[in-house]
PDB file of N, CA and C in Angstrom:
ATOM      1  N   UNK A   1      69.699  99.782 115.817  1.00  0.00           N
ATOM      2  CA  UNK A   1      69.634 101.098 115.214  1.00  0.00           C
ATOM      3  C   UNK A   1      68.504 101.890 115.860  1.00  0.00           C
ATOM      4  N   UNK A   2      68.750 103.155 116.088  1.00  0.00           N
ATOM      5  CA  UNK A   2      67.703 104.032 116.584  1.00  0.00           C
ATOM      6  C   UNK A   2      66.676 104.275 115.495  1.00  0.00           C
ATOM      7  N   UNK A   3      65.527 104.770 115.870  1.00  0.00           N
ATOM      8  CA  UNK A   3      64.490 105.033 114.880  1.00  0.00           C
ATOM      9  C   UNK A   3      64.853 106.193 113.956  1.00  0.00           C
ATOM     10  N   UNK A   4      65.808 107.039 114.365  1.00  0.00           N
ATOM     11  CA  UNK A   4      66.189 108.168 113.513  1.00  0.00           C
ATOM     12  C   UNK A   4      67.300 107.797 112.529  1.00  0.00           C
ATOM     13  N   UNK A   5      67.717 106.529 112.476  1.00  0.00           N
ATOM     14  CA  UNK A   5      68.688 106.093 111.480  1.00  0.00           C
ATOM     15  C   UNK A   5      70.135 106.163 111.943  1.00  0.00           C
ATOM     16  N   UNK A   6      70.387 106.585 113.186  1.00  0.00           N
ATOM     17  CA  UNK A   6      71.755 106.641 113.686  1.00  0.00           C
ATOM     18  C   UNK A   6      72.246 105.255 114.070  1.00  0.00           C
ATOM     19  N   UNK A   7      73.537 105.145 114.190  1.00  0.00           N
ATOM     20  CA  UNK A   7      74.138 103.879 114.573  1.00  0.00           C
ATOM     21  C   UNK A   7      74.153 103.750 116.087  1.00  0.00           C
ATOM     22  N   UNK A   8      74.023 102.543 116.572  1.00  0.00           N
ATOM     23  CA  UNK A   8      74.033 102.289 118.002  1.00  0.00           C
ATOM     24  C   UNK A   8      75.461 101.985 118.420  1.00  0.00           C
ATOM     25  N   UNK A   9      75.955 102.673 119.439  1.00  0.00           N
ATOM     26  CA  UNK A   9      77.287 102.420 119.946  1.00  0.00           C
ATOM     27  C   UNK A   9      77.205 101.338 120.999  1.00  0.00           C
ATOM     28  N   UNK A  10      77.862 100.200 120.741  1.00  0.00           N
ATOM     29  CA  UNK A  10      77.857  99.103 121.697  1.00  0.00           C
ATOM     30  C   UNK A  10      79.283  98.875 122.161  1.00  0.00           C
ATOM     31  N   UNK A  11      79.688  99.582 123.218  1.00  0.00           N
ATOM     32  CA  UNK A  11      81.047  99.441 123.721  1.00  0.00           C
ATOM     33  C   UNK A  11      82.034 100.180 122.833  1.00  0.00           C
ATOM     34  N   UNK A  12      83.113  99.494 122.447  1.00  0.00           N
ATOM     35  CA  UNK A  12      84.177 100.125 121.663  1.00  0.00           C
ATOM     36  C   UNK A  12      83.848 100.181 120.180  1.00  0.00           C
ATOM     37  N   UNK A  13      82.927  99.352 119.722  1.00  0.00           N
ATOM     38  CA  UNK A  13      82.667  99.311 118.289  1.00  0.00           C
ATOM     39  C   UNK A  13      81.212  99.644 117.989  1.00  0.00           C
ATOM     40  N   UNK A  14      80.980 100.053 116.789  1.00  0.00           N
ATOM     41  CA  UNK A  14      79.655 100.385 116.311  1.00  0.00           C
ATOM     42  C   UNK A  14      79.443  99.656 114.998  1.00  0.00           C
ATOM     43  N   UNK A  15      78.284  99.083 114.811  1.00  0.00           N
ATOM     44  CA  UNK A  15      77.998  98.406 113.552  1.00  0.00           C
ATOM     45  C   UNK A  15      77.681  99.460 112.509  1.00  0.00           C
ATOM     46  N   UNK A  16      78.401  99.404 111.386  1.00  0.00           N
ATOM     47  CA  UNK A  16      78.243 100.409 110.327  1.00  0.00           C
ATOM     48  C   UNK A  16      76.970 100.146 109.539  1.00  0.00           C
ATOM     49  N   UNK A  17      76.645 101.087 108.658  1.00  0.00           N
ATOM     50  CA  UNK A  17      75.422 100.967 107.871  1.00  0.00           C
ATOM     51  C   UNK A  17      75.504  99.798 106.887  1.00  0.00           C
ATOM     52  N   UNK A  18      74.359  99.411 106.331  1.00  0.00           N
ATOM     53  CA  UNK A  18      74.283  98.238 105.464  1.00  0.00           C
ATOM     54  C   UNK A  18      74.803  98.482 104.056  1.00  0.00           C
ATOM     55  N   UNK A  19      75.051  99.720 103.683  1.00  0.00           N
ATOM     56  CA  UNK A  19      75.479 100.000 102.318  1.00  0.00           C
ATOM     57  C   UNK A  19      76.985  99.879 102.120  1.00  0.00           C
ATOM     58  N   UNK A  20      77.754  99.757 103.206  1.00  0.00           N
ATOM     59  CA  UNK A  20      79.202  99.693 103.107  1.00  0.00           C
ATOM     60  C   UNK A  20      79.672  98.242 103.075  1.00  0.00           C
ATOM     61  N   UNK A  21      80.629  97.949 102.179  1.00  0.00           N
ATOM     62  CA  UNK A  21      81.224  96.626 102.097  1.00  0.00           C
ATOM     63  C   UNK A  21      82.726  96.747 102.292  1.00  0.00           C
ATOM     64  N   UNK A  22      83.335  95.686 102.804  1.00  0.00           N
ATOM     65  CA  UNK A  22      84.777  95.671 102.986  1.00  0.00           C
ATOM     66  C   UNK A  22      85.501  95.707 101.651  1.00  0.00           C
ATOM     67  N   UNK A  23      86.630  96.431 101.553  1.00  0.00           N
ATOM     68  CA  UNK A  23      87.328  96.558 100.280  1.00  0.00           C
ATOM     69  C   UNK A  23      88.023  95.276  99.835  1.00  0.00           C
ATOM     70  N   UNK A  24      88.334  94.386 100.764  1.00  0.00           N
ATOM     71  CA  UNK A  24      89.082  93.179 100.418  1.00  0.00           C
ATOM     72  C   UNK A  24      88.158  92.018 100.059  1.00  0.00           C
ATOM     73  N   UNK A  25      87.216  91.720 100.950  1.00  0.00           N
ATOM     74  CA  UNK A  25      86.361  90.540 100.732  1.00  0.00           C
ATOM     75  C   UNK A  25      84.915  90.889 100.388  1.00  0.00           C
ATOM     76  N   UNK A  26      84.584  92.172 100.345  1.00  0.00           N
ATOM     77  CA  UNK A  26      83.240  92.663 100.013  1.00  0.00           C
ATOM     78  C   UNK A  26      82.173  92.219 101.013  1.00  0.00           C
ATOM     79  N   UNK A  27      82.583  91.865 102.230  1.00  0.00           N
ATOM     80  CA  UNK A  27      81.631  91.472 103.262  1.00  0.00           C
ATOM     81  C   UNK A  27      80.890  92.701 103.777  1.00  0.00           C
ATOM     82  N   UNK A  28      79.664  92.485 104.227  1.00  0.00           N
ATOM     83  CA  UNK A  28      78.878  93.579 104.789  1.00  0.00           C
ATOM     84  C   UNK A  28      79.023  93.644 106.315  1.00  0.00           C
ATOM     85  N   UNK A  29      79.865  92.803 106.890  1.00  0.00           N
ATOM     86  CA  UNK A  29      80.066  92.777 108.343  1.00  0.00           C
ATOM     87  C   UNK A  29      81.131  93.799 108.728  1.00  0.00           C
ATOM     88  N   UNK A  30      80.743  95.073 108.745  1.00  0.00           N
ATOM     89  CA  UNK A  30      81.654  96.180 108.983  1.00  0.00           C
ATOM     90  C   UNK A  30      81.316  96.819 110.327  1.00  0.00           C
ATOM     91  N   UNK A  31      82.370  97.107 111.113  1.00  0.00           N
ATOM     92  CA  UNK A  31      82.160  97.824 112.367  1.00  0.00           C
ATOM     93  C   UNK A  31      83.003  99.087 112.363  1.00  0.00           C
ATOM     94  N   UNK A  32      82.539 100.089 113.102  1.00  0.00           N
ATOM     95  CA  UNK A  32      83.325 101.308 113.278  1.00  0.00           C
ATOM     96  C   UNK A  32      84.472 100.955 114.202  1.00  0.00           C
ATOM     97  N   UNK A  33      85.698 101.401 113.848  1.00  0.00           N
ATOM     98  CA  UNK A  33      86.892 100.961 114.548  1.00  0.00           C
ATOM     99  C   UNK A  33      87.780 102.141 114.921  1.00  0.00           C
ATOM    100  N   UNK A  34      87.167 103.186 115.491  1.00  0.00           N
ATOM    101  CA  UNK A  34      87.927 104.363 115.904  1.00  0.00           C
ATOM    102  C   UNK A  34      88.057 105.384 114.792  1.00  0.00           C
ATOM    103  N   UNK A  35      89.154 106.147 114.836  1.00  0.00           N
ATOM    104  CA  UNK A  35      89.378 107.159 113.816  1.00  0.00           C
ATOM    105  C   UNK A  35      90.864 107.300 113.541  1.00  0.00           C
ATOM    106  N   UNK A  36      91.180 107.856 112.374  1.00  0.00           N
ATOM    107  CA  UNK A  36      92.571 108.085 112.004  1.00  0.00           C
ATOM    108  C   UNK A  36      93.082 109.303 112.764  1.00  0.00           C
ATOM    109  N   UNK A  37      94.390 109.560 112.680  1.00  0.00           N
ATOM    110  CA  UNK A  37      94.927 110.738 113.351  1.00  0.00           C
ATOM    111  C   UNK A  37      94.493 112.026 112.661  1.00  0.00           C
ATOM    112  N   UNK A  38      93.872 111.908 111.495  1.00  0.00           N
ATOM    113  CA  UNK A  38      93.297 113.071 110.820  1.00  0.00           C
ATOM    114  C   UNK A  38      91.832 113.287 111.222  1.00  0.00           C
ATOM    115  N   UNK A  39      91.284 112.370 112.007  1.00  0.00           N
ATOM    116  CA  UNK A  39      89.911 112.510 112.474  1.00  0.00           C
ATOM    117  C   UNK A  39      88.870 111.809 111.613  1.00  0.00           C
ATOM    118  N   UNK A  40      89.300 111.122 110.540  1.00  0.00           N
ATOM    119  CA  UNK A  40      88.345 110.405 109.689  1.00  0.00           C
ATOM    120  C   UNK A  40      87.958 109.096 110.375  1.00  0.00           C
ATOM    121  N   UNK A  41      86.686 108.687 110.272  1.00  0.00           N
ATOM    122  CA  UNK A  41      86.280 107.425 110.897  1.00  0.00           C
ATOM    123  C   UNK A  41      86.956 106.225 110.232  1.00  0.00           C
ATOM    124  N   UNK A  42      87.423 105.288 111.056  1.00  0.00           N
ATOM    125  CA  UNK A  42      88.067 104.077 110.571  1.00  0.00           C
ATOM    126  C   UNK A  42      87.089 102.919 110.779  1.00  0.00           C
ATOM    127  N   UNK A  43      87.080 101.992 109.822  1.00  0.00           N
ATOM    128  CA  UNK A  43      86.194 100.832 109.887  1.00  0.00           C
ATOM    129  C   UNK A  43      87.020  99.554 109.819  1.00  0.00           C
ATOM    130  N   UNK A  44      86.416  98.457 110.279  1.00  0.00           N
ATOM    131  CA  UNK A  44      87.086  97.156 110.238  1.00  0.00           C
ATOM    132  C   UNK A  44      86.090  96.110 109.778  1.00  0.00           C
ATOM    133  N   UNK A  45      86.550  95.256 108.854  1.00  0.00           N
ATOM    134  CA  UNK A  45      85.723  94.158 108.380  1.00  0.00           C
ATOM    135  C   UNK A  45      85.847  93.007 109.380  1.00  0.00           C
ATOM    136  N   UNK A  46      84.727  92.522 109.878  1.00  0.00           N
ATOM    137  CA  UNK A  46      84.767  91.431 110.844  1.00  0.00           C
ATOM    138  C   UNK A  46      85.060  90.095 110.173  1.00  0.00           C
ATOM    139  N   UNK A  47      84.832  90.000 108.879  1.00  0.00           N
ATOM    140  CA  UNK A  47      85.072  88.738 108.173  1.00  0.00           C
ATOM    141  C   UNK A  47      86.563  88.506 107.920  1.00  0.00           C
ATOM    142  N   UNK A  48      87.282  89.534 107.434  1.00  0.00           N
ATOM    143  CA  UNK A  48      88.699  89.341 107.077  1.00  0.00           C
ATOM    144  C   UNK A  48      89.656  90.141 107.947  1.00  0.00           C
ATOM    145  N   UNK A  49      89.153  91.066 108.765  1.00  0.00           N
ATOM    146  CA  UNK A  49      90.006  91.839 109.654  1.00  0.00           C
ATOM    147  C   UNK A  49      90.631  93.071 109.022  1.00  0.00           C
ATOM    148  N   UNK A  50      90.336  93.352 107.766  1.00  0.00           N
ATOM    149  CA  UNK A  50      90.936  94.491 107.054  1.00  0.00           C
ATOM    150  C   UNK A  50      90.405  95.793 107.629  1.00  0.00           C
ATOM    151  N   UNK A  51      91.327  96.729 107.926  1.00  0.00           N
ATOM    152  CA  UNK A  51      90.938  98.058 108.384  1.00  0.00           C
ATOM    153  C   UNK A  51      90.964  99.015 107.192  1.00  0.00           C
ATOM    154  N   UNK A  52      90.039  99.966 107.183  1.00  0.00           N
ATOM    155  CA  UNK A  52      89.983 100.910 106.076  1.00  0.00           C
ATOM    156  C   UNK A  52      89.219 102.154 106.486  1.00  0.00           C
ATOM    157  N   UNK A  53      89.384 103.205 105.692  1.00  0.00           N
ATOM    158  CA  UNK A  53      88.579 104.414 105.849  1.00  0.00           C
ATOM    159  C   UNK A  53      87.732 104.561 104.601  1.00  0.00           C
ATOM    160  N   UNK A  54      86.549 105.099 104.781  1.00  0.00           N
ATOM    161  CA  UNK A  54      85.661 105.312 103.649  1.00  0.00           C
ATOM    162  C   UNK A  54      86.184 106.480 102.826  1.00  0.00           C
ATOM    163  N   UNK A  55      86.227 106.340 101.518  1.00  0.00           N
ATOM    164  CA  UNK A  55      86.713 107.363 100.597  1.00  0.00           C
ATOM    165  C   UNK A  55      88.122 107.824 100.976  1.00  0.00           C
ATOM    166  N   UNK A  56      89.048 106.878 100.976  1.00  0.00           N
ATOM    167  CA  UNK A  56      90.435 107.181 101.336  1.00  0.00           C
ATOM    168  C   UNK A  56      91.042 108.159 100.333  1.00  0.00           C
ATOM    169  N   UNK A  57      91.816 109.111 100.837  1.00  0.00           N
ATOM    170  CA  UNK A  57      92.433 110.097  99.950  1.00  0.00           C
ATOM    171  C   UNK A  57      93.711 109.556  99.317  1.00  0.00           C
ATOM    172  N   UNK A  58      94.349 108.582  99.948  1.00  0.00           N
ATOM    173  CA  UNK A  58      95.559 107.980  99.398  1.00  0.00           C
ATOM    174  C   UNK A  58      95.217 106.619  98.806  1.00  0.00           C
ATOM    175  N   UNK A  59      95.697 106.379  97.607  1.00  0.00           N
ATOM    176  CA  UNK A  59      95.434 105.126  96.917  1.00  0.00           C
ATOM    177  C   UNK A  59      96.732 104.333  96.811  1.00  0.00           C
ATOM    178  N   UNK A  60      96.652 103.020  96.586  1.00  0.00           N
ATOM    179  CA  UNK A  60      97.868 102.215  96.442  1.00  0.00           C
ATOM    180  C   UNK A  60      98.710 102.689  95.259  1.00  0.00           C
ATOM    181  N   UNK A  61     100.016 102.491  95.359  1.00  0.00           N
ATOM    182  CA  UNK A  61     100.936 102.894  94.294  1.00  0.00           C
ATOM    183  C   UNK A  61     100.784 101.906  93.141  1.00  0.00           C
ATOM    184  N   UNK A  62     100.544 102.422  91.939  1.00  0.00           N
ATOM    185  CA  UNK A  62     100.287 101.555  90.785  1.00  0.00           C
ATOM    186  C   UNK A  62     101.569 100.926  90.245  1.00  0.00           C
ATOM    187  N   UNK A  63     101.405  99.956  89.358  1.00  0.00           N
ATOM    188  CA  UNK A  63     102.515  99.191  88.798  1.00  0.00           C
ATOM    189  C   UNK A  63     103.484 100.036  87.992  1.00  0.00           C
ATOM    190  N   UNK A  64     102.974 101.012  87.247  1.00  0.00           N
ATOM    191  CA  UNK A  64     103.846 101.873  86.434  1.00  0.00           C
ATOM    192  C   UNK A  64     104.782 102.689  87.321  1.00  0.00           C
ATOM    193  N   UNK A  65     104.264 103.183  88.432  1.00  0.00           N
ATOM    194  CA  UNK A  65     105.093 103.950  89.358  1.00  0.00           C
ATOM    195  C   UNK A  65     106.137 103.049  90.011  1.00  0.00           C
ATOM    196  N   UNK A  66     105.755 101.831  90.340  1.00  0.00           N
ATOM    197  CA  UNK A  66     106.716 100.876  90.921  1.00  0.00           C
ATOM    198  C   UNK A  66     107.833 100.556  89.927  1.00  0.00           C
ATOM    199  N   UNK A  67     107.489 100.416  88.644  1.00  0.00           N
ATOM    200  CA  UNK A  67     108.519 100.161  87.628  1.00  0.00           C
ATOM    201  C   UNK A  67     109.467 101.353  87.507  1.00  0.00           C
ATOM    202  N   UNK A  68     108.924 102.570  87.547  1.00  0.00           N
ATOM    203  CA  UNK A  68     109.749 103.769  87.507  1.00  0.00           C
ATOM    204  C   UNK A  68     110.692 103.798  88.710  1.00  0.00           C
ATOM    205  N   UNK A  69     110.172 103.473  89.883  1.00  0.00           N
ATOM    206  CA  UNK A  69     110.997 103.465  91.097  1.00  0.00           C
ATOM    207  C   UNK A  69     112.112 102.435  90.974  1.00  0.00           C
ATOM    208  N   UNK A  70     111.800 101.261  90.437  1.00  0.00           N
ATOM    209  CA  UNK A  70     112.830 100.230  90.247  1.00  0.00           C
ATOM    210  C   UNK A  70     113.946 100.738  89.338  1.00  0.00           C
ATOM    211  N   UNK A  71     113.591 101.436  88.266  1.00  0.00           N
ATOM    212  CA  UNK A  71     114.603 101.986  87.351  1.00  0.00           C
ATOM    213  C   UNK A  71     115.433 103.066  88.031  1.00  0.00           C
ATOM    214  N   UNK A  72     114.778 103.921  88.810  1.00  0.00           N
ATOM    215  CA  UNK A  72     115.499 104.987  89.504  1.00  0.00           C
ATOM    216  C   UNK A  72     116.418 104.431  90.589  1.00  0.00           C
ATOM    217  N   UNK A  73     116.018 103.334  91.215  1.00  0.00           N
ATOM    218  CA  UNK A  73     116.890 102.699  92.202  1.00  0.00           C
ATOM    219  C   UNK A  73     118.162 102.174  91.547  1.00  0.00           C
ATOM    220  N   UNK A  74     118.041 101.654  90.329  1.00  0.00           N
ATOM    221  CA  UNK A  74     119.224 101.171  89.608  1.00  0.00           C
ATOM    222  C   UNK A  74     120.175 102.310  89.249  1.00  0.00           C
ATOM    223  N   UNK A  75     119.648 103.528  89.143  1.00  0.00           N
ATOM    224  CA  UNK A  75     120.476 104.698  88.848  1.00  0.00           C
ATOM    225  C   UNK A  75     121.173 105.231  90.098  1.00  0.00           C
ATOM    226  N   UNK A  76     120.900 104.628  91.234  1.00  0.00           N
ATOM    227  CA  UNK A  76     121.520 104.967  92.517  1.00  0.00           C
ATOM    228  C   UNK A  76     121.241 106.411  92.950  1.00  0.00           C
ATOM    229  N   UNK A  77     120.016 106.864  92.696  1.00  0.00           N
ATOM    230  CA  UNK A  77     119.592 108.176  93.185  1.00  0.00           C
ATOM    231  C   UNK A  77     119.256 108.056  94.664  1.00  0.00           C
ATOM    232  N   UNK A  78     119.239 109.177  95.354  1.00  0.00           N
ATOM    233  CA  UNK A  78     118.859 109.146  96.766  1.00  0.00           C
ATOM    234  C   UNK A  78     117.367 108.831  96.880  1.00  0.00           C
ATOM    235  N   UNK A  79     116.977 108.291  98.040  1.00  0.00           N
ATOM    236  CA  UNK A  79     115.564 107.969  98.247  1.00  0.00           C
ATOM    237  C   UNK A  79     114.701 109.234  98.231  1.00  0.00           C
ATOM    238  N   UNK A  80     115.244 110.333  98.741  1.00  0.00           N
ATOM    239  CA  UNK A  80     114.486 111.593  98.735  1.00  0.00           C
ATOM    240  C   UNK A  80     114.206 112.033  97.301  1.00  0.00           C
ATOM    241  N   UNK A  81     115.192 111.899  96.419  1.00  0.00           N
ATOM    242  CA  UNK A  81     115.005 112.294  95.022  1.00  0.00           C
ATOM    243  C   UNK A  81     113.990 111.386  94.336  1.00  0.00           C
ATOM    244  N   UNK A  82     114.084 110.089  94.590  1.00  0.00           N
ATOM    245  CA  UNK A  82     113.139 109.146  93.978  1.00  0.00           C
ATOM    246  C   UNK A  82     111.727 109.425  94.465  1.00  0.00           C
ATOM    247  N   UNK A  83     111.580 109.710  95.764  1.00  0.00           N
ATOM    248  CA  UNK A  83     110.250 110.008  96.316  1.00  0.00           C
ATOM    249  C   UNK A  83     109.653 111.247  95.659  1.00  0.00           C
ATOM    250  N   UNK A  84     110.473 112.269  95.441  1.00  0.00           N
ATOM    251  CA  UNK A  84     109.987 113.495  94.785  1.00  0.00           C
ATOM    252  C   UNK A  84     109.556 113.221  93.353  1.00  0.00           C
ATOM    253  N   UNK A  85     110.390 112.497  92.603  1.00  0.00           N
ATOM    254  CA  UNK A  85     110.102 112.239  91.189  1.00  0.00           C
ATOM    255  C   UNK A  85     108.867 111.355  91.039  1.00  0.00           C
ATOM    256  N   UNK A  86     108.769 110.315  91.874  1.00  0.00           N
ATOM    257  CA  UNK A  86     107.682 109.342  91.740  1.00  0.00           C
ATOM    258  C   UNK A  86     106.392 109.802  92.421  1.00  0.00           C
ATOM    259  N   UNK A  87     106.474 110.796  93.282  1.00  0.00           N
ATOM    260  CA  UNK A  87     105.280 111.281  93.970  1.00  0.00           C
ATOM    261  C   UNK A  87     104.798 110.355  95.071  1.00  0.00           C
ATOM    262  N   UNK A  88     105.732 109.699  95.760  1.00  0.00           N
ATOM    263  CA  UNK A  88     105.392 108.827  96.889  1.00  0.00           C
ATOM    264  C   UNK A  88     106.070 109.374  98.135  1.00  0.00           C
ATOM    265  N   UNK A  89     105.638 108.920  99.293  1.00  0.00           N
ATOM    266  CA  UNK A  89     106.268 109.374 100.529  1.00  0.00           C
ATOM    267  C   UNK A  89     107.590 108.639 100.739  1.00  0.00           C
ATOM    268  N   UNK A  90     108.499 109.287 101.446  1.00  0.00           N
ATOM    269  CA  UNK A  90     109.786 108.653 101.742  1.00  0.00           C
ATOM    270  C   UNK A  90     109.596 107.427 102.622  1.00  0.00           C
ATOM    271  N   UNK A  91     108.619 107.485 103.505  1.00  0.00           N
ATOM    272  CA  UNK A  91     108.338 106.344 104.384  1.00  0.00           C
ATOM    273  C   UNK A  91     107.895 105.133 103.563  1.00  0.00           C
ATOM    274  N   UNK A  92     106.959 105.350 102.616  1.00  0.00           N
ATOM    275  CA  UNK A  92     106.503 104.245 101.764  1.00  0.00           C
ATOM    276  C   UNK A  92     107.660 103.708 100.937  1.00  0.00           C
ATOM    277  N   UNK A  93     108.486 104.603 100.400  1.00  0.00           N
ATOM    278  CA  UNK A  93     109.605 104.190  99.566  1.00  0.00           C
ATOM    279  C   UNK A  93     110.600 103.352 100.354  1.00  0.00           C
ATOM    280  N   UNK A  94     110.884 103.743 101.596  1.00  0.00           N
ATOM    281  CA  UNK A  94     111.809 102.963 102.425  1.00  0.00           C
ATOM    282  C   UNK A  94     111.249 101.570 102.683  1.00  0.00           C
ATOM    283  N   UNK A  95     109.948 101.474 102.954  1.00  0.00           N
ATOM    284  CA  UNK A  95     109.336 100.153 103.162  1.00  0.00           C
ATOM    285  C   UNK A  95     109.398  99.320 101.886  1.00  0.00           C
ATOM    286  N   UNK A  96     109.212  99.950 100.728  1.00  0.00           N
ATOM    287  CA  UNK A  96     109.277  99.261  99.441  1.00  0.00           C
ATOM    288  C   UNK A  96     110.690  98.733  99.185  1.00  0.00           C
ATOM    289  N   UNK A  97     111.705  99.552  99.457  1.00  0.00           N
ATOM    290  CA  UNK A  97     113.097  99.140  99.268  1.00  0.00           C
ATOM    291  C   UNK A  97     113.435  97.989 100.220  1.00  0.00           C
ATOM    292  N   UNK A  98     112.992  98.085 101.465  1.00  0.00           N
ATOM    293  CA  UNK A  98     113.240  97.002 102.422  1.00  0.00           C
ATOM    294  C   UNK A  98     112.593  95.702 101.952  1.00  0.00           C
ATOM    295  N   UNK A  99     111.371  95.786 101.430  1.00  0.00           N
ATOM    296  CA  UNK A  99     110.678  94.604 100.922  1.00  0.00           C
ATOM    297  C   UNK A  99     111.452  93.996  99.759  1.00  0.00           C
ATOM    298  N   UNK A 100     111.948  94.832  98.846  1.00  0.00           N
ATOM    299  CA  UNK A 100     112.747  94.354  97.715  1.00  0.00           C
ATOM    300  C   UNK A 100     114.011  93.653  98.208  1.00  0.00           C
ATOM    301  N   UNK A 101     114.644  94.215  99.227  1.00  0.00           N
ATOM    302  CA  UNK A 101     115.870  93.634  99.770  1.00  0.00           C
ATOM    303  C   UNK A 101     115.611  92.234 100.319  1.00  0.00           C
ATOM    304  N   UNK A 102     114.535  92.093 101.105  1.00  0.00           N
ATOM    305  CA  UNK A 102     114.242  90.788 101.719  1.00  0.00           C
ATOM    306  C   UNK A 102     113.783  89.754 100.691  1.00  0.00           C
ATOM    307  N   UNK A 103     113.242  90.199  99.554  1.00  0.00           N
ATOM    308  CA  UNK A 103     112.816  89.271  98.505  1.00  0.00           C
ATOM    309  C   UNK A 103     113.972  88.832  97.612  1.00  0.00           C
ATOM    310  N   UNK A 104     115.094  89.546  97.670  1.00  0.00           N
ATOM    311  CA  UNK A 104     116.245  89.229  96.827  1.00  0.00           C
ATOM    312  C   UNK A 104     116.971  88.012  97.388  1.00  0.00           C
ATOM    313  N   UNK A 105     117.287  87.012  96.539  1.00  0.00           N
ATOM    314  CA  UNK A 105     118.031  85.843  97.026  1.00  0.00           C
ATOM    315  C   UNK A 105     119.401  86.258  97.568  1.00  0.00           C
ATOM    316  N   UNK A 106     119.807  85.657  98.677  1.00  0.00           N
ATOM    317  CA  UNK A 106     121.048  86.049  99.333  1.00  0.00           C
ATOM    318  C   UNK A 106     122.208  85.097  99.050  1.00  0.00           C
ATOM    319  N   UNK A 107     122.009  84.088  98.207  1.00  0.00           N
ATOM    320  CA  UNK A 107     123.075  83.141  97.910  1.00  0.00           C
ATOM    321  C   UNK A 107     124.007  83.719  96.843  1.00  0.00           C
ATOM    322  N   UNK A 108     125.279  83.583  97.087  1.00  0.00           N
ATOM    323  CA  UNK A 108     126.284  84.033  96.131  1.00  0.00           C
ATOM    324  C   UNK A 108     126.905  82.795  95.514  1.00  0.00           C
ATOM    325  N   UNK A 109     126.976  82.773  94.204  1.00  0.00           N
ATOM    326  CA  UNK A 109     127.548  81.634  93.507  1.00  0.00           C
ATOM    327  C   UNK A 109     129.007  81.937  93.187  1.00  0.00           C
ATOM    328  N   UNK A 110     129.901  81.113  93.725  1.00  0.00           N
ATOM    329  CA  UNK A 110     131.329  81.298  93.526  1.00  0.00           C
ATOM    330  C   UNK A 110     131.823  80.202  92.599  1.00  0.00           C
ATOM    331  N   UNK A 111     132.535  80.585  91.557  1.00  0.00           N
ATOM    332  CA  UNK A 111     133.105  79.601  90.636  1.00  0.00           C
ATOM    333  C   UNK A 111     134.612  79.549  90.831  1.00  0.00           C
ATOM    334  N   UNK A 112     135.147  78.371  90.713  1.00  0.00           N
ATOM    335  CA  UNK A 112     136.586  78.161  90.891  1.00  0.00           C
ATOM    336  C   UNK A 112     137.320  78.559  89.628  1.00  0.00           C
ATOM    337  N   UNK A 113     138.388  79.343  89.757  1.00  0.00           N
ATOM    338  CA  UNK A 113     139.194  79.742  88.614  1.00  0.00           C
ATOM    339  C   UNK A 113     140.175  78.624  88.274  1.00  0.00           C
ATOM    340  N   UNK A 114     140.433  78.467  87.009  1.00  0.00           N
ATOM    341  CA  UNK A 114     141.447  77.504  86.577  1.00  0.00           C
ATOM    342  C   UNK A 114     142.820  78.119  86.778  1.00  0.00           C
ATOM    343  N   UNK A 115     143.631  77.431  87.520  1.00  0.00           N
ATOM    344  CA  UNK A 115     144.990  77.938  87.775  1.00  0.00           C
ATOM    345  C   UNK A 115     145.948  77.393  86.728  1.00  0.00           C
ATOM    346  N   UNK A 116     146.711  78.280  86.192  1.00  0.00           N
ATOM    347  CA  UNK A 116     147.729  77.893  85.249  1.00  0.00           C
ATOM    348  C   UNK A 116     149.051  77.845  85.991  1.00  0.00           C
ATOM    349  N   UNK A 117     149.704  76.740  85.961  1.00  0.00           N
ATOM    350  CA  UNK A 117     150.879  76.760  86.770  1.00  0.00           C
ATOM    351  C   UNK A 117     151.809  75.706  86.571  1.00  0.00           C
TER     352      UNK A 117
END
């Protein structure tokens, strides 16, 4: 660190200040890891590898919203309509639907009918 409190740039990464902790493992081993396409600085935890931005404007979708989306999917609404109602992006919703599809068991149980004859 310089005497004026700035961070030292060592190659591609910069060691972040001591007050920041990783959101996943709470480690203090944080490095500057470039920037988002919006220009906000991106950081990476060296302990767990999690990338994050400080004071993110978007938060994870909560359980209540996921339950609402599940109900709306059963109503066979379009993804655009569900995204508008639930307040999520269409991209996130498509990834959520794909995840649900892959988690659904693919085995079909066929039962033999009794033939009368």
